[in-house]
PDB file of N, CA and C in Angstrom:
ATOM      1  N   GLN A   1       1.950 -16.120 -17.719  1.00  0.00           N
ATOM      2  CA  GLN A   1       0.973 -15.056 -17.824  1.00  0.00           C
ATOM      3  C   GLN A   1       0.544 -14.587 -16.442  1.00  0.00           C
ATOM      4  N   VAL A   2       0.277 -13.303 -16.349  1.00  0.00           N
ATOM      5  CA  VAL A   2      -0.251 -12.710 -15.126  1.00  0.00           C
ATOM      6  C   VAL A   2      -1.537 -11.986 -15.497  1.00  0.00           C
ATOM      7  N   GLN A   3      -2.594 -12.285 -14.781  1.00  0.00           N
ATOM      8  CA  GLN A   3      -3.864 -11.592 -14.998  1.00  0.00           C
ATOM      9  C   GLN A   3      -4.083 -10.610 -13.856  1.00  0.00           C
ATOM     10  N   LEU A   4      -4.497  -9.406 -14.205  1.00  0.00           N
ATOM     11  CA  LEU A   4      -4.672  -8.324 -13.234  1.00  0.00           C
ATOM     12  C   LEU A   4      -6.089  -7.775 -13.339  1.00  0.00           C
ATOM     13  N   VAL A   5      -6.752  -7.640 -12.197  1.00  0.00           N
ATOM     14  CA  VAL A   5      -8.115  -7.110 -12.174  1.00  0.00           C
ATOM     15  C   VAL A   5      -8.193  -5.994 -11.144  1.00  0.00           C
ATOM     16  N   GLU A   6      -8.501  -4.790 -11.619  1.00  0.00           N
ATOM     17  CA  GLU A   6      -8.605  -3.634 -10.732  1.00  0.00           C
ATOM     18  C   GLU A   6     -10.028  -3.460 -10.220  1.00  0.00           C
ATOM     19  N   SER A   7     -10.136  -2.827  -9.071  1.00  0.00           N
ATOM     20  CA  SER A   7     -11.440  -2.459  -8.524  1.00  0.00           C
ATOM     21  C   SER A   7     -11.250  -1.251  -7.614  1.00  0.00           C
ATOM     22  N   GLY A   8     -12.365  -0.609  -7.274  1.00  0.00           N
ATOM     23  CA  GLY A   8     -12.318   0.481  -6.313  1.00  0.00           C
ATOM     24  C   GLY A   8     -12.441   1.866  -6.894  1.00  0.00           C
ATOM     25  N   GLY A   9     -12.500   1.986  -8.206  1.00  0.00           N
ATOM     26  CA  GLY A   9     -12.662   3.310  -8.800  1.00  0.00           C
ATOM     27  C   GLY A   9     -14.058   3.858  -8.543  1.00  0.00           C
ATOM     28  N   GLY A  10     -14.233   5.132  -8.878  1.00  0.00           N
ATOM     29  CA  GLY A  10     -15.545   5.751  -8.696  1.00  0.00           C
ATOM     30  C   GLY A  10     -15.470   7.249  -8.755  1.00  0.00           C
ATOM     31  N   LEU A  11     -16.539   7.873  -8.297  1.00  0.00           N
ATOM     32  CA  LEU A  11     -16.663   9.327  -8.291  1.00  0.00           C
ATOM     33  C   LEU A  11     -16.496   9.834  -6.863  1.00  0.00           C
ATOM     34  N   VAL A  12     -15.648  10.844  -6.695  1.00  0.00           N
ATOM     35  CA  VAL A  12     -15.392  11.400  -5.369  1.00  0.00           C
ATOM     36  C   VAL A  12     -15.200  12.906  -5.502  1.00  0.00           C
ATOM     37  N   GLN A  13     -15.514  13.635  -4.465  1.00  0.00           N
ATOM     38  CA  GLN A  13     -15.295  15.075  -4.474  1.00  0.00           C
ATOM     39  C   GLN A  13     -13.834  15.400  -4.191  1.00  0.00           C
ATOM     40  N   ALA A  14     -13.398  16.539  -4.663  1.00  0.00           N
ATOM     41  CA  ALA A  14     -12.034  16.989  -4.388  1.00  0.00           C
ATOM     42  C   ALA A  14     -11.788  17.003  -2.883  1.00  0.00           C
ATOM     43  N   GLY A  15     -10.608  16.526  -2.503  1.00  0.00           N
ATOM     44  CA  GLY A  15     -10.264  16.405  -1.093  1.00  0.00           C
ATOM     45  C   GLY A  15     -10.607  15.061  -0.490  1.00  0.00           C
ATOM     46  N   GLY A  16     -11.366  14.266  -1.219  1.00  0.00           N
ATOM     47  CA  GLY A  16     -11.777  12.963  -0.723  1.00  0.00           C
ATOM     48  C   GLY A  16     -10.738  11.890  -0.971  1.00  0.00           C
ATOM     49  N   SER A  17     -11.117  10.647  -0.655  1.00  0.00           N
ATOM     50  CA  SER A  17     -10.205   9.513  -0.754  1.00  0.00           C
ATOM     51  C   SER A  17     -10.858   8.346  -1.477  1.00  0.00           C
ATOM     52  N   LEU A  18     -10.025   7.547  -2.097  1.00  0.00           N
ATOM     53  CA  LEU A  18     -10.430   6.277  -2.695  1.00  0.00           C
ATOM     54  C   LEU A  18      -9.295   5.291  -2.497  1.00  0.00           C
ATOM     55  N   ARG A  19      -9.652   4.005  -2.456  1.00  0.00           N
ATOM     56  CA  ARG A  19      -8.628   2.972  -2.431  1.00  0.00           C
ATOM     57  C   ARG A  19      -8.857   2.030  -3.602  1.00  0.00           C
ATOM     58  N   LEU A  20      -7.869   1.939  -4.450  1.00  0.00           N
ATOM     59  CA  LEU A  20      -7.911   1.002  -5.565  1.00  0.00           C
ATOM     60  C   LEU A  20      -7.245  -0.304  -5.152  1.00  0.00           C
ATOM     61  N   SER A  21      -7.800  -1.400  -5.653  1.00  0.00           N
ATOM     62  CA  SER A  21      -7.214  -2.720  -5.421  1.00  0.00           C
ATOM     63  C   SER A  21      -6.913  -3.358  -6.764  1.00  0.00           C
ATOM     64  N   CYS A  22      -5.900  -4.207  -6.765  1.00  0.00           N
ATOM     65  CA  CYS A  22      -5.549  -4.964  -7.962  1.00  0.00           C
ATOM     66  C   CYS A  22      -5.254  -6.392  -7.537  1.00  0.00           C
ATOM     67  N   ALA A  23      -6.099  -7.303  -7.990  1.00  0.00           N
ATOM     68  CA  ALA A  23      -5.927  -8.717  -7.677  1.00  0.00           C
ATOM     69  C   ALA A  23      -5.209  -9.394  -8.833  1.00  0.00           C
ATOM     70  N   ALA A  24      -4.169 -10.148  -8.507  1.00  0.00           N
ATOM     71  CA  ALA A  24      -3.363 -10.816  -9.521  1.00  0.00           C
ATOM     72  C   ALA A  24      -3.560 -12.313  -9.455  1.00  0.00           C
ATOM     73  N   SER A  25      -3.484 -12.940 -10.606  1.00  0.00           N
ATOM     74  CA  SER A  25      -3.532 -14.402 -10.678  1.00  0.00           C
ATOM     75  C   SER A  25      -2.582 -14.842 -11.783  1.00  0.00           C
ATOM     76  N   GLY A  26      -2.268 -16.115 -11.777  1.00  0.00           N
ATOM     77  CA  GLY A  26      -1.348 -16.624 -12.780  1.00  0.00           C
ATOM     78  C   GLY A  26      -0.029 -16.975 -12.137  1.00  0.00           C
ATOM     79  N   ARG A  27       1.036 -16.404 -12.641  1.00  0.00           N
ATOM     80  CA  ARG A  27       2.367 -16.704 -12.128  1.00  0.00           C
ATOM     81  C   ARG A  27       2.548 -16.146 -10.717  1.00  0.00           C
ATOM     82  N   THR A  28       3.596 -16.567 -10.062  1.00  0.00           N
ATOM     83  CA  THR A  28       3.827 -16.235  -8.664  1.00  0.00           C
ATOM     84  C   THR A  28       3.842 -14.727  -8.466  1.00  0.00           C
ATOM     85  N   PHE A  29       2.850 -14.244  -7.766  1.00  0.00           N
ATOM     86  CA  PHE A  29       2.662 -12.815  -7.557  1.00  0.00           C
ATOM     87  C   PHE A  29       3.862 -12.179  -6.893  1.00  0.00           C
ATOM     88  N   SER A  30       4.433 -12.876  -5.930  1.00  0.00           N
ATOM     89  CA  SER A  30       5.512 -12.269  -5.149  1.00  0.00           C
ATOM     90  C   SER A  30       6.804 -12.126  -5.939  1.00  0.00           C
ATOM     91  N   ASN A  31       6.849 -12.650  -7.155  1.00  0.00           N
ATOM     92  CA  ASN A  31       8.032 -12.470  -7.991  1.00  0.00           C
ATOM     93  C   ASN A  31       8.029 -11.143  -8.737  1.00  0.00           C
ATOM     94  N   TYR A  32       6.894 -10.442  -8.711  1.00  0.00           N
ATOM     95  CA  TYR A  32       6.709  -9.287  -9.564  1.00  0.00           C
ATOM     96  C   TYR A  32       6.629  -7.983  -8.781  1.00  0.00           C
ATOM     97  N   ALA A  33       7.285  -6.957  -9.339  1.00  0.00           N
ATOM     98  CA  ALA A  33       6.997  -5.600  -8.905  1.00  0.00           C
ATOM     99  C   ALA A  33       5.625  -5.238  -9.474  1.00  0.00           C
ATOM    100  N   MET A  34       4.875  -4.461  -8.705  1.00  0.00           N
ATOM    101  CA  MET A  34       3.514  -4.085  -9.109  1.00  0.00           C
ATOM    102  C   MET A  34       3.398  -2.565  -9.096  1.00  0.00           C
ATOM    103  N   GLY A  35       2.592  -2.050  -9.990  1.00  0.00           N
ATOM    104  CA  GLY A  35       2.468  -0.598 -10.031  1.00  0.00           C
ATOM    105  C   GLY A  35       1.167  -0.138 -10.629  1.00  0.00           C
ATOM    106  N   TRP A  36       1.073   1.177 -10.763  1.00  0.00           N
ATOM    107  CA  TRP A  36      -0.107   1.813 -11.360  1.00  0.00           C
ATOM    108  C   TRP A  36       0.332   2.897 -12.343  1.00  0.00           C
ATOM    109  N   PHE A  37      -0.391   2.944 -13.424  1.00  0.00           N
ATOM    110  CA  PHE A  37      -0.322   4.043 -14.368  1.00  0.00           C
ATOM    111  C   PHE A  37      -1.714   4.645 -14.463  1.00  0.00           C
ATOM    112  N   ARG A  38      -1.799   5.821 -15.060  1.00  0.00           N
ATOM    113  CA  ARG A  38      -3.104   6.426 -15.297  1.00  0.00           C
ATOM    114  C   ARG A  38      -3.102   7.163 -16.623  1.00  0.00           C
ATOM    115  N   GLN A  39      -4.295   7.314 -17.167  1.00  0.00           N
ATOM    116  CA  GLN A  39      -4.442   8.028 -18.433  1.00  0.00           C
ATOM    117  C   GLN A  39      -5.694   8.884 -18.395  1.00  0.00           C
ATOM    118  N   ALA A  40      -5.487  10.186 -18.510  1.00  0.00           N
ATOM    119  CA  ALA A  40      -6.592  11.126 -18.565  1.00  0.00           C
ATOM    120  C   ALA A  40      -6.999  11.341 -20.021  1.00  0.00           C
ATOM    121  N   PRO A  41      -8.223  11.783 -20.261  1.00  0.00           N
ATOM    122  CA  PRO A  41      -8.672  12.006 -21.637  1.00  0.00           C
ATOM    123  C   PRO A  41      -7.751  12.967 -22.382  1.00  0.00           C
ATOM    124  N   GLY A  42      -7.313  12.564 -23.569  1.00  0.00           N
ATOM    125  CA  GLY A  42      -6.474  13.407 -24.384  1.00  0.00           C
ATOM    126  C   GLY A  42      -5.023  13.495 -23.968  1.00  0.00           C
ATOM    127  N   LYS A  43      -4.653  12.708 -22.964  1.00  0.00           N
ATOM    128  CA  LYS A  43      -3.267  12.736 -22.469  1.00  0.00           C
ATOM    129  C   LYS A  43      -2.631  11.368 -22.595  1.00  0.00           C
ATOM    130  N   GLU A  44      -1.303  11.367 -22.520  1.00  0.00           N
ATOM    131  CA  GLU A  44      -0.578  10.108 -22.570  1.00  0.00           C
ATOM    132  C   GLU A  44      -0.679   9.384 -21.235  1.00  0.00           C
ATOM    133  N   ARG A  45      -0.516   8.075 -21.312  1.00  0.00           N
ATOM    134  CA  ARG A  45      -0.508   7.284 -20.097  1.00  0.00           C
ATOM    135  C   ARG A  45       0.735   7.656 -19.287  1.00  0.00           C
ATOM    136  N   GLU A  46       0.566   7.814 -17.961  1.00  0.00           N
ATOM    137  CA  GLU A  46       1.683   8.250 -17.132  1.00  0.00           C
ATOM    138  C   GLU A  46       1.851   7.364 -15.907  1.00  0.00           C
ATOM    139  N   PHE A  47       3.078   7.290 -15.451  1.00  0.00           N
ATOM    140  CA  PHE A  47       3.445   6.524 -14.263  1.00  0.00           C
ATOM    141  C   PHE A  47       2.849   7.172 -13.019  1.00  0.00           C
ATOM    142  N   VAL A  48       2.355   6.323 -12.099  1.00  0.00           N
ATOM    143  CA  VAL A  48       1.842   6.807 -10.817  1.00  0.00           C
ATOM    144  C   VAL A  48       2.711   6.321  -9.668  1.00  0.00           C
ATOM    145  N   ALA A  49       2.887   4.996  -9.572  1.00  0.00           N
ATOM    146  CA  ALA A  49       3.637   4.437  -8.450  1.00  0.00           C
ATOM    147  C   ALA A  49       4.010   2.995  -8.762  1.00  0.00           C
ATOM    148  N   VAL A  50       5.062   2.511  -8.076  1.00  0.00           N
ATOM    149  CA  VAL A  50       5.479   1.117  -8.214  1.00  0.00           C
ATOM    150  C   VAL A  50       6.018   0.639  -6.879  1.00  0.00           C
ATOM    151  N   ILE A  51       5.823  -0.649  -6.605  1.00  0.00           N
ATOM    152  CA  ILE A  51       6.304  -1.252  -5.370  1.00  0.00           C
ATOM    153  C   ILE A  51       7.069  -2.513  -5.707  1.00  0.00           C
ATOM    154  N   SER A  52       8.170  -2.734  -5.007  1.00  0.00           N
ATOM    155  CA  SER A  52       8.994  -3.909  -5.265  1.00  0.00           C
ATOM    156  C   SER A  52       8.285  -5.188  -4.832  1.00  0.00           C
ATOM    157  N   TRP A  53       8.832  -6.339  -5.245  1.00  0.00           N
ATOM    158  CA  TRP A  53       8.184  -7.614  -4.933  1.00  0.00           C
ATOM    159  C   TRP A  53       8.077  -7.830  -3.423  1.00  0.00           C
ATOM    160  N   SER A  54       9.057  -7.320  -2.674  1.00  0.00           N
ATOM    161  CA  SER A  54       9.062  -7.506  -1.226  1.00  0.00           C
ATOM    162  C   SER A  54       8.203  -6.477  -0.506  1.00  0.00           C
ATOM    163  N   GLY A  55       7.889  -5.391  -1.201  1.00  0.00           N
ATOM    164  CA  GLY A  55       7.164  -4.303  -0.563  1.00  0.00           C
ATOM    165  C   GLY A  55       8.064  -3.314   0.150  1.00  0.00           C
ATOM    166  N   LYS A  56       9.371  -3.554   0.104  1.00  0.00           N
ATOM    167  CA  LYS A  56      10.294  -2.700   0.854  1.00  0.00           C
ATOM    168  C   LYS A  56      10.627  -1.406   0.121  1.00  0.00           C
ATOM    169  N   SER A  57      10.417  -1.378  -1.184  1.00  0.00           N
ATOM    170  CA  SER A  57      10.737  -0.178  -1.968  1.00  0.00           C
ATOM    171  C   SER A  57       9.508   0.277  -2.725  1.00  0.00           C
ATOM    172  N   THR A  58       9.246   1.576  -2.634  1.00  0.00           N
ATOM    173  CA  THR A  58       8.146   2.167  -3.397  1.00  0.00           C
ATOM    174  C   THR A  58       8.636   3.467  -4.032  1.00  0.00           C
ATOM    175  N   TYR A  59       8.103   3.769  -5.184  1.00  0.00           N
ATOM    176  CA  TYR A  59       8.442   4.999  -5.896  1.00  0.00           C
ATOM    177  C   TYR A  59       7.155   5.622  -6.407  1.00  0.00           C
ATOM    178  N   TYR A  60       7.118   6.945  -6.353  1.00  0.00           N
ATOM    179  CA  TYR A  60       5.911   7.669  -6.728  1.00  0.00           C
ATOM    180  C   TYR A  60       6.235   8.780  -7.718  1.00  0.00           C
ATOM    181  N   ALA A  61       5.260   9.084  -8.555  1.00  0.00           N
ATOM    182  CA  ALA A  61       5.360  10.282  -9.377  1.00  0.00           C
ATOM    183  C   ALA A  61       5.291  11.502  -8.463  1.00  0.00           C
ATOM    184  N   ASP A  62       5.981  12.551  -8.846  1.00  0.00           N
ATOM    185  CA  ASP A  62       5.981  13.764  -8.021  1.00  0.00           C
ATOM    186  C   ASP A  62       4.565  14.301  -7.812  1.00  0.00           C
ATOM    187  N   SER A  63       3.714  14.104  -8.789  1.00  0.00           N
ATOM    188  CA  SER A  63       2.362  14.659  -8.721  1.00  0.00           C
ATOM    189  C   SER A  63       1.493  13.997  -7.660  1.00  0.00           C
ATOM    190  N   VAL A  64       1.877  12.807  -7.189  1.00  0.00           N
ATOM    191  CA  VAL A  64       1.057  12.102  -6.204  1.00  0.00           C
ATOM    192  C   VAL A  64       1.799  11.870  -4.891  1.00  0.00           C
ATOM    193  N   LYS A  65       3.064  12.203  -4.851  1.00  0.00           N
ATOM    194  CA  LYS A  65       3.877  11.958  -3.661  1.00  0.00           C
ATOM    195  C   LYS A  65       3.289  12.681  -2.453  1.00  0.00           C
ATOM    196  N   GLY A  66       3.163  11.961  -1.363  1.00  0.00           N
ATOM    197  CA  GLY A  66       2.595  12.542  -0.152  1.00  0.00           C
ATOM    198  C   GLY A  66       1.084  12.416  -0.062  1.00  0.00           C
ATOM    199  N   ARG A  67       0.442  12.060  -1.163  1.00  0.00           N
ATOM    200  CA  ARG A  67      -1.015  11.904  -1.168  1.00  0.00           C
ATOM    201  C   ARG A  67      -1.439  10.454  -1.409  1.00  0.00           C
ATOM    202  N   PHE A  68      -0.662   9.726  -2.209  1.00  0.00           N
ATOM    203  CA  PHE A  68      -0.983   8.341  -2.550  1.00  0.00           C
ATOM    204  C   PHE A  68      -0.016   7.413  -1.811  1.00  0.00           C
ATOM    205  N   THR A  69      -0.516   6.247  -1.420  1.00  0.00           N
ATOM    206  CA  THR A  69       0.311   5.232  -0.778  1.00  0.00           C
ATOM    207  C   THR A  69       0.047   3.888  -1.424  1.00  0.00           C
ATOM    208  N   LEU A  70       1.120   3.254  -1.873  1.00  0.00           N
ATOM    209  CA  LEU A  70       1.027   1.952  -2.523  1.00  0.00           C
ATOM    210  C   LEU A  70       1.502   0.870  -1.558  1.00  0.00           C
ATOM    211  N   SER A  71       0.741  -0.203  -1.456  1.00  0.00           N
ATOM    212  CA  SER A  71       1.121  -1.310  -0.571  1.00  0.00           C
ATOM    213  C   SER A  71       0.715  -2.617  -1.240  1.00  0.00           C
ATOM    214  N   ARG A  72       1.204  -3.711  -0.687  1.00  0.00           N
ATOM    215  CA  ARG A  72       0.863  -5.020  -1.249  1.00  0.00           C
ATOM    216  C   ARG A  72       0.730  -6.043  -0.147  1.00  0.00           C
ATOM    217  N   ASP A  73      -0.093  -7.047  -0.433  1.00  0.00           N
ATOM    218  CA  ASP A  73      -0.276  -8.183   0.471  1.00  0.00           C
ATOM    219  C   ASP A  73      -0.010  -9.426  -0.367  1.00  0.00           C
ATOM    220  N   ASN A  74       1.170  -9.983  -0.255  1.00  0.00           N
ATOM    221  CA  ASN A  74       1.532 -11.128  -1.091  1.00  0.00           C
ATOM    222  C   ASN A  74       0.713 -12.376  -0.745  1.00  0.00           C
ATOM    223  N   ALA A  75       0.226 -12.459   0.474  1.00  0.00           N
ATOM    224  CA  ALA A  75      -0.607 -13.599   0.852  1.00  0.00           C
ATOM    225  C   ALA A  75      -1.959 -13.559   0.125  1.00  0.00           C
ATOM    226  N   LYS A  76      -2.400 -12.362  -0.236  1.00  0.00           N
ATOM    227  CA  LYS A  76      -3.685 -12.197  -0.923  1.00  0.00           C
ATOM    228  C   LYS A  76      -3.513 -11.893  -2.402  1.00  0.00           C
ATOM    229  N   ASN A  77      -2.263 -11.847  -2.871  1.00  0.00           N
ATOM    230  CA  ASN A  77      -1.990 -11.537  -4.284  1.00  0.00           C
ATOM    231  C   ASN A  77      -2.638 -10.220  -4.707  1.00  0.00           C
ATOM    232  N   THR A  78      -2.548  -9.235  -3.846  1.00  0.00           N
ATOM    233  CA  THR A  78      -3.251  -7.978  -4.092  1.00  0.00           C
ATOM    234  C   THR A  78      -2.353  -6.789  -3.759  1.00  0.00           C
ATOM    235  N   VAL A  79      -2.481  -5.754  -4.583  1.00  0.00           N
ATOM    236  CA  VAL A  79      -1.850  -4.482  -4.272  1.00  0.00           C
ATOM    237  C   VAL A  79      -2.941  -3.438  -4.075  1.00  0.00           C
ATOM    238  N   TYR A  80      -2.616  -2.435  -3.280  1.00  0.00           N
ATOM    239  CA  TYR A  80      -3.581  -1.400  -2.931  1.00  0.00           C
ATOM    240  C   TYR A  80      -2.976  -0.032  -3.204  1.00  0.00           C
ATOM    241  N   LEU A  81      -3.769   0.852  -3.777  1.00  0.00           N
ATOM    242  CA  LEU A  81      -3.354   2.233  -3.958  1.00  0.00           C
ATOM    243  C   LEU A  81      -4.324   3.111  -3.175  1.00  0.00           C
ATOM    244  N   GLN A  82      -3.860   3.600  -2.036  1.00  0.00           N
ATOM    245  CA  GLN A  82      -4.662   4.505  -1.221  1.00  0.00           C
ATOM    246  C   GLN A  82      -4.442   5.917  -1.722  1.00  0.00           C
ATOM    247  N   MET A  83      -5.526   6.559  -2.134  1.00  0.00           N
ATOM    248  CA  MET A  83      -5.439   7.900  -2.726  1.00  0.00           C
ATOM    249  C   MET A  83      -6.180   8.878  -1.826  1.00  0.00           C
ATOM    250  N   ASN A  84      -5.435   9.794  -1.240  1.00  0.00           N
ATOM    251  CA  ASN A  84      -6.009  10.808  -0.358  1.00  0.00           C
ATOM    252  C   ASN A  84      -5.857  12.197  -0.966  1.00  0.00           C
ATOM    253  N   SER A  85      -6.597  13.139  -0.430  1.00  0.00           N
ATOM    254  CA  SER A  85      -6.523  14.534  -0.899  1.00  0.00           C
ATOM    255  C   SER A  85      -6.629  14.611  -2.415  1.00  0.00           C
ATOM    256  N   LEU A  86      -7.604  13.924  -2.941  1.00  0.00           N
ATOM    257  CA  LEU A  86      -7.746  13.838  -4.396  1.00  0.00           C
ATOM    258  C   LEU A  86      -8.076  15.190  -5.007  1.00  0.00           C
ATOM    259  N   LYS A  87      -7.550  15.392  -6.213  1.00  0.00           N
ATOM    260  CA  LYS A  87      -7.738  16.638  -6.954  1.00  0.00           C
ATOM    261  C   LYS A  87      -8.431  16.332  -8.285  1.00  0.00           C
ATOM    262  N   PRO A  88      -9.091  17.299  -8.873  1.00  0.00           N
ATOM    263  CA  PRO A  88      -9.713  17.049 -10.185  1.00  0.00           C
ATOM    264  C   PRO A  88      -8.712  16.563 -11.225  1.00  0.00           C
ATOM    265  N   GLU A  89      -7.470  16.993 -11.120  1.00  0.00           N
ATOM    266  CA  GLU A  89      -6.456  16.550 -12.095  1.00  0.00           C
ATOM    267  C   GLU A  89      -6.034  15.100 -11.901  1.00  0.00           C
ATOM    268  N   ASP A  90      -6.513  14.453 -10.843  1.00  0.00           N
ATOM    269  CA  ASP A  90      -6.281  13.017 -10.671  1.00  0.00           C
ATOM    270  C   ASP A  90      -7.284  12.183 -11.470  1.00  0.00           C
ATOM    271  N   THR A  91      -8.263  12.836 -12.065  1.00  0.00           N
ATOM    272  CA  THR A  91      -9.255  12.115 -12.860  1.00  0.00           C
ATOM    273  C   THR A  91      -8.593  11.418 -14.035  1.00  0.00           C
ATOM    274  N   ALA A  92      -8.817  10.106 -14.126  1.00  0.00           N
ATOM    275  CA  ALA A  92      -8.169   9.297 -15.160  1.00  0.00           C
ATOM    276  C   ALA A  92      -8.658   7.863 -15.046  1.00  0.00           C
ATOM    277  N   VAL A  93      -8.302   7.070 -16.050  1.00  0.00           N
ATOM    278  CA  VAL A  93      -8.428   5.616 -15.924  1.00  0.00           C
ATOM    279  C   VAL A  93      -7.110   5.124 -15.321  1.00  0.00           C
ATOM    280  N   TYR A  94      -7.223   4.360 -14.257  1.00  0.00           N
ATOM    281  CA  TYR A  94      -6.047   3.846 -13.550  1.00  0.00           C
ATOM    282  C   TYR A  94      -5.834   2.382 -13.917  1.00  0.00           C
ATOM    283  N   TYR A  95      -4.586   2.064 -14.298  1.00  0.00           N
ATOM    284  CA  TYR A  95      -4.241   0.727 -14.745  1.00  0.00           C
ATOM    285  C   TYR A  95      -3.227   0.098 -13.790  1.00  0.00           C
ATOM    286  N   CYS A  96      -3.499  -1.134 -13.403  1.00  0.00           N
ATOM    287  CA  CYS A  96      -2.559  -1.916 -12.618  1.00  0.00           C
ATOM    288  C   CYS A  96      -1.585  -2.609 -13.573  1.00  0.00           C
ATOM    289  N   VAL A  97      -0.311  -2.680 -13.162  1.00  0.00           N
ATOM    290  CA  VAL A  97       0.705  -3.288 -14.010  1.00  0.00           C
ATOM    291  C   VAL A  97       1.610  -4.201 -13.186  1.00  0.00           C
ATOM    292  N   ALA A  98       2.256  -5.121 -13.891  1.00  0.00           N
ATOM    293  CA  ALA A  98       3.196  -6.039 -13.249  1.00  0.00           C
ATOM    294  C   ALA A  98       4.443  -6.168 -14.102  1.00  0.00           C
ATOM    295  N   ASN A  99       5.583  -6.268 -13.419  1.00  0.00           N
ATOM    296  CA  ASN A  99       6.864  -6.377 -14.100  1.00  0.00           C
ATOM    297  C   ASN A  99       7.842  -7.081 -13.178  1.00  0.00           C
ATOM    298  N   GLN A 100       8.852  -7.691 -13.764  1.00  0.00           N
ATOM    299  CA  GLN A 100       9.805  -8.398 -12.910  1.00  0.00           C
ATOM    300  C   GLN A 100      10.870  -7.480 -12.328  1.00  0.00           C
ATOM    301  N   GLY A 101      10.829  -6.201 -12.658  1.00  0.00           N
ATOM    302  CA  GLY A 101      11.731  -5.239 -12.063  1.00  0.00           C
ATOM    303  C   GLY A 101      11.018  -3.921 -11.876  1.00  0.00           C
ATOM    304  N   LEU A 102      11.569  -3.062 -11.055  1.00  0.00           N
ATOM    305  CA  LEU A 102      11.005  -1.729 -10.861  1.00  0.00           C
ATOM    306  C   LEU A 102      11.218  -0.918 -12.122  1.00  0.00           C
ATOM    307  N   ALA A 103      10.173  -0.269 -12.590  1.00  0.00           N
ATOM    308  CA  ALA A 103      10.270   0.517 -13.827  1.00  0.00           C
ATOM    309  C   ALA A 103       9.219   1.608 -13.804  1.00  0.00           C
ATOM    310  N   ARG A 104       9.446   2.640 -14.625  1.00  0.00           N
ATOM    311  CA  ARG A 104       8.518   3.762 -14.663  1.00  0.00           C
ATOM    312  C   ARG A 104       8.021   4.075 -16.063  1.00  0.00           C
ATOM    313  N   MET A 105       8.426   3.280 -17.021  1.00  0.00           N
ATOM    314  CA  MET A 105       8.052   3.556 -18.406  1.00  0.00           C
ATOM    315  C   MET A 105       6.965   2.598 -18.861  1.00  0.00           C
ATOM    316  N   VAL A 106       6.032   3.093 -19.645  1.00  0.00           N
ATOM    317  CA  VAL A 106       4.936   2.267 -20.155  1.00  0.00           C
ATOM    318  C   VAL A 106       5.469   1.034 -20.872  1.00  0.00           C
ATOM    319  N   GLU A 107       6.484   1.229 -21.683  1.00  0.00           N
ATOM    320  CA  GLU A 107       6.986   0.126 -22.519  1.00  0.00           C
ATOM    321  C   GLU A 107       7.695  -0.960 -21.723  1.00  0.00           C
ATOM    322  N   ASP A 108       7.974  -0.719 -20.463  1.00  0.00           N
ATOM    323  CA  ASP A 108       8.641  -1.719 -19.620  1.00  0.00           C
ATOM    324  C   ASP A 108       7.681  -2.777 -19.085  1.00  0.00           C
ATOM    325  N   TYR A 109       6.383  -2.494 -19.191  1.00  0.00           N
ATOM    326  CA  TYR A 109       5.413  -3.384 -18.560  1.00  0.00           C
ATOM    327  C   TYR A 109       4.693  -4.261 -19.587  1.00  0.00           C
ATOM    328  N   LYS A 110       4.734  -5.541 -19.344  1.00  0.00           N
ATOM    329  CA  LYS A 110       4.079  -6.517 -20.219  1.00  0.00           C
ATOM    330  C   LYS A 110       2.647  -6.788 -19.794  1.00  0.00           C
ATOM    331  N   TYR A 111       2.398  -6.755 -18.489  1.00  0.00           N
ATOM    332  CA  TYR A 111       1.088  -7.145 -17.973  1.00  0.00           C
ATOM    333  C   TYR A 111       0.319  -5.918 -17.486  1.00  0.00           C
ATOM    334  N   TRP A 112      -0.909  -5.793 -17.984  1.00  0.00           N
ATOM    335  CA  TRP A 112      -1.778  -4.661 -17.672  1.00  0.00           C
ATOM    336  C   TRP A 112      -3.172  -5.151 -17.312  1.00  0.00           C
ATOM    337  N   GLY A 113      -3.804  -4.470 -16.363  1.00  0.00           N
ATOM    338  CA  GLY A 113      -5.210  -4.716 -16.108  1.00  0.00           C
ATOM    339  C   GLY A 113      -6.064  -3.951 -17.109  1.00  0.00           C
ATOM    340  N   GLN A 114      -7.381  -4.091 -16.948  1.00  0.00           N
ATOM    341  CA  GLN A 114      -8.306  -3.469 -17.894  1.00  0.00           C
ATOM    342  C   GLN A 114      -8.576  -2.010 -17.566  1.00  0.00           C
ATOM    343  N   GLY A 115      -8.219  -1.582 -16.370  1.00  0.00           N
ATOM    344  CA  GLY A 115      -8.387  -0.188 -15.980  1.00  0.00           C
ATOM    345  C   GLY A 115      -9.639   0.047 -15.159  1.00  0.00           C
ATOM    346  N   THR A 116      -9.584   1.037 -14.287  1.00  0.00           N
ATOM    347  CA  THR A 116     -10.737   1.441 -13.496  1.00  0.00           C
ATOM    348  C   THR A 116     -10.803   2.967 -13.484  1.00  0.00           C
ATOM    349  N   GLN A 117     -12.004   3.503 -13.662  1.00  0.00           N
ATOM    350  CA  GLN A 117     -12.171   4.951 -13.790  1.00  0.00           C
ATOM    351  C   GLN A 117     -12.209   5.614 -12.418  1.00  0.00           C
ATOM    352  N   VAL A 118     -11.436   6.672 -12.277  1.00  0.00           N
ATOM    353  CA  VAL A 118     -11.477   7.528 -11.100  1.00  0.00           C
ATOM    354  C   VAL A 118     -11.856   8.926 -11.572  1.00  0.00           C
ATOM    355  N   THR A 119     -12.922   9.469 -10.998  1.00  0.00           N
ATOM    356  CA  THR A 119     -13.366  10.806 -11.356  1.00  0.00           C
ATOM    357  C   THR A 119     -13.445  11.655 -10.091  1.00  0.00           C
ATOM    358  N   VAL A 120     -12.750  12.784 -10.115  1.00  0.00           N
ATOM    359  CA  VAL A 120     -12.726  13.688  -8.968  1.00  0.00           C
ATOM    360  C   VAL A 120     -13.419  14.986  -9.375  1.00  0.00           C
ATOM    361  N   SER A 121     -14.515  15.292  -8.703  1.00  0.00           N
ATOM    362  CA  SER A 121     -15.277  16.501  -9.028  1.00  0.00           C
ATOM    363  C   SER A 121     -14.800  17.676  -8.181  1.00  0.00           C
ATOM    364  N   SER A 122     -14.873  18.859  -8.763  1.00  0.00           N
ATOM    365  CA  SER A 122     -14.416  20.063  -8.048  1.00  0.00           C
ATOM    366  C   SER A 122     -15.533  20.697  -7.234  1.00  0.00           C
TER     367      SER A 122
END
């Protein structure tokens, strides 16, 4: 089992920045690719970004590419999602996920955090 706890969400104005953190516990953190999904009200959950176990490979949704940066610190069992130039359409609940391989589909991920709300005002 892998337990994931997100933090860092909140309310920010358009153009601002937030950094989300996800602390993992349980099985060996460095064995897992880590990522983020988000879900806005009335919309399906969507892929945001994923990082390989080594941190050498990252993939982003086109909607966040160039604005969001995903990183990890295996010594701290934590991943970070730095979100810059935030837009109102980034408003959503953000979920941290873990998987033993890089993936972009909701159904590929077994481990999910409880979610953290990000609200971007215009």
